[in-house]
Amino acid sequence: MDPQVAWNKLLEAYASEDWSSAEASATALIAWLDRGGFPPQTIPGQTLGESWNRAIAYAGCRLAMSDARWMQIDCEQTA
């Protein structure tokens, strides 16, 4: 697993409102981090350290997963 690729895919999917891809990337990245994997560089051009990047990655993944679920529920209700 390349956490940087997963993070970048998560950001791209979130920005394009591809909720299933955002949720999949977030789920995979959280699983990686939970197994002790190193975090991605979360802010381009900034070297912030592992603990900062881990915290930002967890927060971003949880937000993406939450938003994805809400958007999927909303789509089901309007269909």
Protein backbone atom coordinates (compact mmCIF):
# COMPACT_ATOMS: atom_id res chain seq x y z
CA MET A 1 0.00 0.00 0.00
CA ASP A 2 1.24 3.46 -0.84
CA PRO A 3 -0.42 5.82 1.65
CA GLN A 4 0.45 8.87 -0.44
CA VAL A 5 -1.38 7.44 -3.45
CA ALA A 6 -4.37 6.56 -1.25
CA TRP A 7 -4.42 10.09 0.25
CA ASN A 8 -4.21 11.73 -3.17
CA LYS A 9 -6.99 9.49 -4.51
CA LEU A 10 -9.09 10.34 -1.47
CA LEU A 11 -8.67 14.08 -2.06
CA GLU A 12 -9.44 13.76 -5.78
CA ALA A 13 -12.52 11.61 -5.14
CA TYR A 14 -13.80 13.96 -2.44
CA ALA A 15 -13.31 17.03 -4.64
CA SER A 16 -15.17 15.38 -7.52
CA GLU A 17 -17.91 14.05 -5.20
CA ASP A 18 -17.12 10.45 -6.09
CA TRP A 19 -18.35 9.24 -2.72
CA SER A 20 -17.80 5.52 -3.18
CA SER A 21 -14.16 6.06 -4.22
CA ALA A 22 -13.62 8.54 -1.38
CA GLU A 23 -14.99 6.05 1.13
CA ALA A 24 -12.91 3.20 -0.30
CA SER A 25 -9.69 5.23 -0.17
CA ALA A 26 -10.44 6.45 3.35
CA THR A 27 -11.21 2.94 4.59
CA ALA A 28 -8.00 1.54 3.09
CA LEU A 29 -5.86 4.34 4.48
CA ILE A 30 -7.31 4.04 8.00
CA ALA A 31 -6.69 0.28 7.93
CA TRP A 32 -3.08 0.95 6.88
CA LEU A 33 -2.57 3.50 9.67
CA ASP A 34 -4.23 1.22 12.25
CA ARG A 35 -1.72 -1.50 11.36
CA GLY A 36 1.12 0.91 12.15
CA GLY A 37 1.80 2.07 8.61
CA PHE A 38 3.40 5.45 8.04
CA PRO A 39 1.10 8.36 7.14
CA PRO A 40 1.03 10.28 3.88
CA GLN A 41 2.36 13.81 3.53
CA THR A 42 -1.01 15.54 3.98
CA ILE A 43 -0.15 19.10 2.97
CA PRO A 44 1.89 19.51 -0.22
CA GLY A 45 5.12 21.40 0.19
CA GLN A 46 5.12 21.18 3.99
CA THR A 47 7.19 18.81 6.12
CA LEU A 48 5.07 18.55 9.24
CA GLY A 49 6.21 15.34 10.88
CA GLU A 50 4.66 11.93 11.31
CA SER A 51 2.32 12.70 14.23
CA TRP A 52 0.82 15.73 12.47
CA ASN A 53 0.36 13.88 9.19
CA ARG A 54 -1.16 10.88 10.99
CA ALA A 55 -3.67 13.11 12.82
CA ILE A 56 -4.63 14.98 9.65
CA ALA A 57 -4.95 11.74 7.67
CA TYR A 58 -7.22 10.18 10.31
CA ALA A 59 -9.37 13.32 10.50
CA GLY A 60 -9.62 13.62 6.71
CA CYS A 61 -10.48 9.95 6.31
CA ARG A 62 -13.18 10.09 8.97
CA LEU A 63 -14.71 13.21 7.45
CA ALA A 64 -14.68 11.66 3.98
CA MET A 65 -16.30 8.47 5.26
CA SER A 66 -18.98 10.42 7.14
CA ASP A 67 -19.75 12.68 4.20
CA ALA A 68 -19.82 9.72 1.81
CA ARG A 69 -22.37 7.94 3.97
CA TRP A 70 -24.55 11.04 4.28
CA MET A 71 -24.43 11.71 0.55
CA GLN A 72 -25.30 8.09 -0.24
CA ILE A 73 -28.26 8.24 2.18
CA ASP A 74 -29.37 11.53 0.65
CA CYS A 75 -29.20 10.06 -2.86
CA GLU A 76 -31.23 7.02 -1.78
CA GLN A 77 -33.92 9.23 -0.24
CA THR A 78 -34.25 11.45 -3.31
CA ALA A 79 -34.38 8.52 -5.74
